[in-house]
Amino acid sequence: MTMNIDKADFLAWYFSGSDQEQYDLAFQIGQEARENLEECGTFTINVDDLIAMCGDLYLNEKQIKEI
């Protein structure tokens, strides 16, 4: 499926949520970063990878809000 997603809107959605959800997300990203740094010496995160992982969920939620 081809996704036309506004990256700024996607990031606002991705990092939104309750305080606990934001904390959990930051913790998860930190753990992934640490593991990659230990194994590979580098860590990057980009919006295209995030969209590939959960763009369908974003589009579904956006579609539900429009109904």
PDB file of N, CA and C in Angstrom:
ATOM      1  N   MET A   1       0.839  -1.173   0.000  1.00  0.00           N
ATOM      2  CA  MET A   1       0.000   0.000   0.000  1.00  0.00           C
ATOM      3  C   MET A   1       0.889   1.243   0.000  1.00  0.00           C
ATOM      4  N   THR A   2       0.608   2.171  -0.907  1.00  0.00           N
ATOM      5  CA  THR A   2       1.342   3.418  -0.956  1.00  0.00           C
ATOM      6  C   THR A   2       0.737   4.371   0.067  1.00  0.00           C
ATOM      7  N   MET A   3       1.587   4.928   0.886  1.00  0.00           N
ATOM      8  CA  MET A   3       1.104   5.810   1.934  1.00  0.00           C
ATOM      9  C   MET A   3       1.513   7.243   1.624  1.00  0.00           C
ATOM     10  N   ASN A   4       0.543   8.150   1.631  1.00  0.00           N
ATOM     11  CA  ASN A   4       0.826   9.580   1.557  1.00  0.00           C
ATOM     12  C   ASN A   4       0.627  10.141   2.949  1.00  0.00           C
ATOM     13  N   ILE A   5       1.718  10.280   3.650  1.00  0.00           N
ATOM     14  CA  ILE A   5       1.660  10.697   5.045  1.00  0.00           C
ATOM     15  C   ILE A   5       2.478  11.969   5.218  1.00  0.00           C
ATOM     16  N   ASP A   6       1.850  12.971   5.823  1.00  0.00           N
ATOM     17  CA  ASP A   6       2.559  14.189   6.186  1.00  0.00           C
ATOM     18  C   ASP A   6       3.468  13.848   7.370  1.00  0.00           C
ATOM     19  N   LYS A   7       4.765  13.993   7.179  1.00  0.00           N
ATOM     20  CA  LYS A   7       5.720  13.543   8.198  1.00  0.00           C
ATOM     21  C   LYS A   7       5.604  14.320   9.503  1.00  0.00           C
ATOM     22  N   ALA A   8       5.357  15.620   9.421  1.00  0.00           N
ATOM     23  CA  ALA A   8       5.220  16.414  10.652  1.00  0.00           C
ATOM     24  C   ALA A   8       3.979  15.974  11.430  1.00  0.00           C
ATOM     25  N   ASP A   9       2.872  15.734  10.720  1.00  0.00           N
ATOM     26  CA  ASP A   9       1.651  15.280  11.371  1.00  0.00           C
ATOM     27  C   ASP A   9       1.850  13.888  11.969  1.00  0.00           C
ATOM     28  N   PHE A  10       2.541  13.030  11.234  1.00  0.00           N
ATOM     29  CA  PHE A  10       2.825  11.682  11.729  1.00  0.00           C
ATOM     30  C   PHE A  10       3.642  11.744  13.023  1.00  0.00           C
ATOM     31  N   LEU A  11       4.694  12.564  13.036  1.00  0.00           N
ATOM     32  CA  LEU A  11       5.528  12.660  14.236  1.00  0.00           C
ATOM     33  C   LEU A  11       4.751  13.212  15.419  1.00  0.00           C
ATOM     34  N   ALA A  12       3.880  14.177  15.168  1.00  0.00           N
ATOM     35  CA  ALA A  12       3.038  14.707  16.248  1.00  0.00           C
ATOM     36  C   ALA A  12       2.162  13.596  16.814  1.00  0.00           C
ATOM     37  N   TRP A  13       1.608  12.756  15.935  1.00  0.00           N
ATOM     38  CA  TRP A  13       0.790  11.623  16.374  1.00  0.00           C
ATOM     39  C   TRP A  13       1.649  10.603  17.116  1.00  0.00           C
ATOM     40  N   TYR A  14       2.814  10.272  16.542  1.00  0.00           N
ATOM     41  CA  TYR A  14       3.675   9.228  17.096  1.00  0.00           C
ATOM     42  C   TYR A  14       4.112   9.554  18.522  1.00  0.00           C
ATOM     43  N   PHE A  15       4.430  10.814  18.765  1.00  0.00           N
ATOM     44  CA  PHE A  15       4.926  11.203  20.083  1.00  0.00           C
ATOM     45  C   PHE A  15       3.834  11.760  20.990  1.00  0.00           C
ATOM     46  N   SER A  16       2.577  11.647  20.581  1.00  0.00           N
ATOM     47  CA  SER A  16       1.476  12.095  21.439  1.00  0.00           C
ATOM     48  C   SER A  16       1.079  10.958  22.370  1.00  0.00           C
ATOM     49  N   GLY A  17       0.174  11.236  23.235  1.00  0.00           N
ATOM     50  CA  GLY A  17      -0.291  10.216  24.170  1.00  0.00           C
ATOM     51  C   GLY A  17      -0.195  10.727  25.586  1.00  0.00           C
ATOM     52  N   SER A  18      -0.592   9.872  26.492  1.00  0.00           N
ATOM     53  CA  SER A  18      -0.538  10.236  27.908  1.00  0.00           C
ATOM     54  C   SER A  18       0.923  10.366  28.349  1.00  0.00           C
ATOM     55  N   ASP A  19       1.110  10.926  29.514  1.00  0.00           N
ATOM     56  CA  ASP A  19       2.469  11.039  30.059  1.00  0.00           C
ATOM     57  C   ASP A  19       3.130   9.668  30.140  1.00  0.00           C
ATOM     58  N   GLN A  20       2.373   8.664  30.571  1.00  0.00           N
ATOM     59  CA  GLN A  20       2.928   7.310  30.693  1.00  0.00           C
ATOM     60  C   GLN A  20       3.304   6.749  29.321  1.00  0.00           C
ATOM     61  N   GLU A  21       2.463   6.973  28.317  1.00  0.00           N
ATOM     62  CA  GLU A  21       2.767   6.483  26.968  1.00  0.00           C
ATOM     63  C   GLU A  21       4.008   7.171  26.412  1.00  0.00           C
ATOM     64  N   GLN A  22       4.143   8.469  26.660  1.00  0.00           N
ATOM     65  CA  GLN A  22       5.325   9.189  26.196  1.00  0.00           C
ATOM     66  C   GLN A  22       6.575   8.685  26.912  1.00  0.00           C
ATOM     67  N   TYR A  23       6.469   8.432  28.202  1.00  0.00           N
ATOM     68  CA  TYR A  23       7.594   7.892  28.958  1.00  0.00           C
ATOM     69  C   TYR A  23       7.991   6.516  28.416  1.00  0.00           C
ATOM     70  N   ASP A  24       6.997   5.659  28.202  1.00  0.00           N
ATOM     71  CA  ASP A  24       7.264   4.311  27.700  1.00  0.00           C
ATOM     72  C   ASP A  24       7.933   4.355  26.326  1.00  0.00           C
ATOM     73  N   LEU A  25       7.469   5.247  25.476  1.00  0.00           N
ATOM     74  CA  LEU A  25       8.051   5.383  24.138  1.00  0.00           C
ATOM     75  C   LEU A  25       9.502   5.859  24.220  1.00  0.00           C
ATOM     76  N   ALA A  26       9.747   6.868  25.043  1.00  0.00           N
ATOM     77  CA  ALA A  26      11.116   7.369  25.205  1.00  0.00           C
ATOM     78  C   ALA A  26      12.028   6.281  25.774  1.00  0.00           C
ATOM     79  N   PHE A  27      11.519   5.517  26.728  1.00  0.00           N
ATOM     80  CA  PHE A  27      12.293   4.427  27.311  1.00  0.00           C
ATOM     81  C   PHE A  27      12.613   3.360  26.261  1.00  0.00           C
ATOM     82  N   GLN A  28      11.616   3.012  25.446  1.00  0.00           N
ATOM     83  CA  GLN A  28      11.801   2.012  24.390  1.00  0.00           C
ATOM     84  C   GLN A  28      12.844   2.481  23.375  1.00  0.00           C
ATOM     85  N   ILE A  29      12.759   3.732  22.960  1.00  0.00           N
ATOM     86  CA  ILE A  29      13.729   4.279  22.011  1.00  0.00           C
ATOM     87  C   ILE A  29      15.122   4.272  22.640  1.00  0.00           C
ATOM     88  N   GLY A  30      15.202   4.631  23.912  1.00  0.00           N
ATOM     89  CA  GLY A  30      16.488   4.625  24.606  1.00  0.00           C
ATOM     90  C   GLY A  30      17.103   3.240  24.686  1.00  0.00           C
ATOM     91  N   GLN A  31      16.272   2.234  24.962  1.00  0.00           N
ATOM     92  CA  GLN A  31      16.785   0.858  25.006  1.00  0.00           C
ATOM     93  C   GLN A  31      17.295   0.417  23.645  1.00  0.00           C
ATOM     94  N   GLU A  32      16.526   0.739  22.593  1.00  0.00           N
ATOM     95  CA  GLU A  32      16.949   0.366  21.243  1.00  0.00           C
ATOM     96  C   GLU A  32      18.247   1.076  20.878  1.00  0.00           C
ATOM     97  N   ALA A  33      18.355   2.345  21.247  1.00  0.00           N
ATOM     98  CA  ALA A  33      19.573   3.101  20.960  1.00  0.00           C
ATOM     99  C   ALA A  33      20.771   2.478  21.674  1.00  0.00           C
ATOM    100  N   ARG A  34      20.597   2.148  22.932  1.00  0.00           N
ATOM    101  CA  ARG A  34      21.691   1.561  23.708  1.00  0.00           C
ATOM    102  C   ARG A  34      22.160   0.234  23.098  1.00  0.00           C
ATOM    103  N   GLU A  35      21.187  -0.621  22.739  1.00  0.00           N
ATOM    104  CA  GLU A  35      21.541  -1.907  22.141  1.00  0.00           C
ATOM    105  C   GLU A  35      22.301  -1.719  20.832  1.00  0.00           C
ATOM    106  N   ASN A  36      21.821  -0.807  19.995  1.00  0.00           N
ATOM    107  CA  ASN A  36      22.498  -0.564  18.719  1.00  0.00           C
ATOM    108  C   ASN A  36      23.876   0.036  18.917  1.00  0.00           C
ATOM    109  N   LEU A  37      24.016   0.933  19.875  1.00  0.00           N
ATOM    110  CA  LEU A  37      25.323   1.527  20.145  1.00  0.00           C
ATOM    111  C   LEU A  37      26.307   0.475  20.635  1.00  0.00           C
ATOM    112  N   GLU A  38      25.837  -0.431  21.492  1.00  0.00           N
ATOM    113  CA  GLU A  38      26.718  -1.481  22.006  1.00  0.00           C
ATOM    114  C   GLU A  38      27.110  -2.468  20.907  1.00  0.00           C
ATOM    115  N   GLU A  39      26.171  -2.803  20.036  1.00  0.00           N
ATOM    116  CA  GLU A  39      26.423  -3.803  18.999  1.00  0.00           C
ATOM    117  C   GLU A  39      27.106  -3.220  17.764  1.00  0.00           C
ATOM    118  N   CYS A  40      26.702  -2.017  17.354  1.00  0.00           N
ATOM    119  CA  CYS A  40      27.159  -1.473  16.069  1.00  0.00           C
ATOM    120  C   CYS A  40      27.950  -0.180  16.198  1.00  0.00           C
ATOM    121  N   GLY A  41      27.862   0.456  17.339  1.00  0.00           N
ATOM    122  CA  GLY A  41      28.560   1.719  17.528  1.00  0.00           C
ATOM    123  C   GLY A  41      27.799   2.938  17.025  1.00  0.00           C
ATOM    124  N   THR A  42      26.626   2.727  16.440  1.00  0.00           N
ATOM    125  CA  THR A  42      25.831   3.853  15.953  1.00  0.00           C
ATOM    126  C   THR A  42      24.354   3.592  16.205  1.00  0.00           C
ATOM    127  N   PHE A  43      23.594   4.679  16.171  1.00  0.00           N
ATOM    128  CA  PHE A  43      22.147   4.572  16.252  1.00  0.00           C
ATOM    129  C   PHE A  43      21.529   5.729  15.503  1.00  0.00           C
ATOM    130  N   THR A  44      20.594   5.426  14.651  1.00  0.00           N
ATOM    131  CA  THR A  44      19.831   6.464  13.967  1.00  0.00           C
ATOM    132  C   THR A  44      18.359   6.102  14.032  1.00  0.00           C
ATOM    133  N   ILE A  45      17.551   7.117  13.984  1.00  0.00           N
ATOM    134  CA  ILE A  45      16.114   6.936  13.923  1.00  0.00           C
ATOM    135  C   ILE A  45      15.623   7.954  12.900  1.00  0.00           C
ATOM    136  N   ASN A  46      14.768   7.506  11.999  1.00  0.00           N
ATOM    137  CA  ASN A  46      14.236   8.460  11.039  1.00  0.00           C
ATOM    138  C   ASN A  46      12.751   8.218  10.825  1.00  0.00           C
ATOM    139  N   VAL A  47      12.091   9.253  10.371  1.00  0.00           N
ATOM    140  CA  VAL A  47      10.642   9.210  10.246  1.00  0.00           C
ATOM    141  C   VAL A  47      10.196   8.163   9.229  1.00  0.00           C
ATOM    142  N   ASP A  48      10.971   7.936   8.188  1.00  0.00           N
ATOM    143  CA  ASP A  48      10.583   6.934   7.195  1.00  0.00           C
ATOM    144  C   ASP A  48      10.541   5.532   7.794  1.00  0.00           C
ATOM    145  N   ASP A  49      11.486   5.219   8.669  1.00  0.00           N
ATOM    146  CA  ASP A  49      11.467   3.920   9.349  1.00  0.00           C
ATOM    147  C   ASP A  49      10.264   3.802  10.277  1.00  0.00           C
ATOM    148  N   LEU A  50       9.953   4.889  10.986  1.00  0.00           N
ATOM    149  CA  LEU A  50       8.794   4.875  11.879  1.00  0.00           C
ATOM    150  C   LEU A  50       7.503   4.690  11.085  1.00  0.00           C
ATOM    151  N   ILE A  51       7.409   5.364   9.946  1.00  0.00           N
ATOM    152  CA  ILE A  51       6.221   5.221   9.094  1.00  0.00           C
ATOM    153  C   ILE A  51       6.118   3.794   8.571  1.00  0.00           C
ATOM    154  N   ALA A  52       7.241   3.210   8.202  1.00  0.00           N
ATOM    155  CA  ALA A  52       7.221   1.823   7.723  1.00  0.00           C
ATOM    156  C   ALA A  52       6.733   0.872   8.810  1.00  0.00           C
ATOM    157  N   MET A  53       7.084   1.165  10.065  1.00  0.00           N
ATOM    158  CA  MET A  53       6.695   0.292  11.174  1.00  0.00           C
ATOM    159  C   MET A  53       5.239   0.462  11.576  1.00  0.00           C
ATOM    160  N   CYS A  54       4.732   1.689  11.563  1.00  0.00           N
ATOM    161  CA  CYS A  54       3.374   1.872  12.094  1.00  0.00           C
ATOM    162  C   CYS A  54       2.542   2.887  11.315  1.00  0.00           C
ATOM    163  N   GLY A  55       2.867   3.090  10.065  1.00  0.00           N
ATOM    164  CA  GLY A  55       2.092   4.004   9.231  1.00  0.00           C
ATOM    165  C   GLY A  55       0.662   3.556   9.034  1.00  0.00           C
ATOM    166  N   ASP A  56       0.444   2.250   8.926  1.00  0.00           N
ATOM    167  CA  ASP A  56      -0.922   1.744   8.753  1.00  0.00           C
ATOM    168  C   ASP A  56      -1.790   2.081   9.962  1.00  0.00           C
ATOM    169  N   LEU A  57      -1.239   1.940  11.149  1.00  0.00           N
ATOM    170  CA  LEU A  57      -1.979   2.277  12.366  1.00  0.00           C
ATOM    171  C   LEU A  57      -2.323   3.767  12.386  1.00  0.00           C
ATOM    172  N   TYR A  58      -1.360   4.598  12.025  1.00  0.00           N
ATOM    173  CA  TYR A  58      -1.588   6.042  11.944  1.00  0.00           C
ATOM    174  C   TYR A  58      -2.725   6.354  10.978  1.00  0.00           C
ATOM    175  N   LEU A  59      -2.683   5.768   9.794  1.00  0.00           N
ATOM    176  CA  LEU A  59      -3.722   6.026   8.792  1.00  0.00           C
ATOM    177  C   LEU A  59      -5.083   5.538   9.270  1.00  0.00           C
ATOM    178  N   ASN A  60      -5.120   4.385   9.918  1.00  0.00           N
ATOM    179  CA  ASN A  60      -6.387   3.869  10.453  1.00  0.00           C
ATOM    180  C   ASN A  60      -6.968   4.813  11.501  1.00  0.00           C
ATOM    181  N   GLU A  61      -6.138   5.283  12.421  1.00  0.00           N
ATOM    182  CA  GLU A  61      -6.605   6.194  13.456  1.00  0.00           C
ATOM    183  C   GLU A  61      -7.067   7.510  12.855  1.00  0.00           C
ATOM    184  N   LYS A  62      -6.335   7.994  11.867  1.00  0.00           N
ATOM    185  CA  LYS A  62      -6.710   9.239  11.212  1.00  0.00           C
ATOM    186  C   LYS A  62      -8.049   9.088  10.483  1.00  0.00           C
ATOM    187  N   GLN A  63      -8.248   7.949   9.842  1.00  0.00           N
ATOM    188  CA  GLN A  63      -9.488   7.693   9.117  1.00  0.00           C
ATOM    189  C   GLN A  63     -10.673   7.617  10.077  1.00  0.00           C
ATOM    190  N   ILE A  64     -10.470   6.995  11.238  1.00  0.00           N
ATOM    191  CA  ILE A  64     -11.534   6.881  12.239  1.00  0.00           C
ATOM    192  C   ILE A  64     -11.942   8.260  12.747  1.00  0.00           C
ATOM    193  N   LYS A  65     -10.953   9.143  12.949  1.00  0.00           N
ATOM    194  CA  LYS A  65     -11.250  10.488  13.434  1.00  0.00           C
ATOM    195  C   LYS A  65     -12.056  11.291  12.409  1.00  0.00           C
ATOM    196  N   GLU A  66     -11.880  10.992  11.124  1.00  0.00           N
ATOM    197  CA  GLU A  66     -12.575  11.729  10.076  1.00  0.00           C
ATOM    198  C   GLU A  66     -14.005  11.285   9.919  1.00  0.00           C
ATOM    199  N   ILE A  67     -14.366  10.143  10.459  1.00  0.00           N
ATOM    200  CA  ILE A  67     -15.728   9.617  10.318  1.00  0.00           C
ATOM    201  C   ILE A  67     -16.688  10.365  11.207  1.00  0.00           C
TER     202      ILE A  67
END
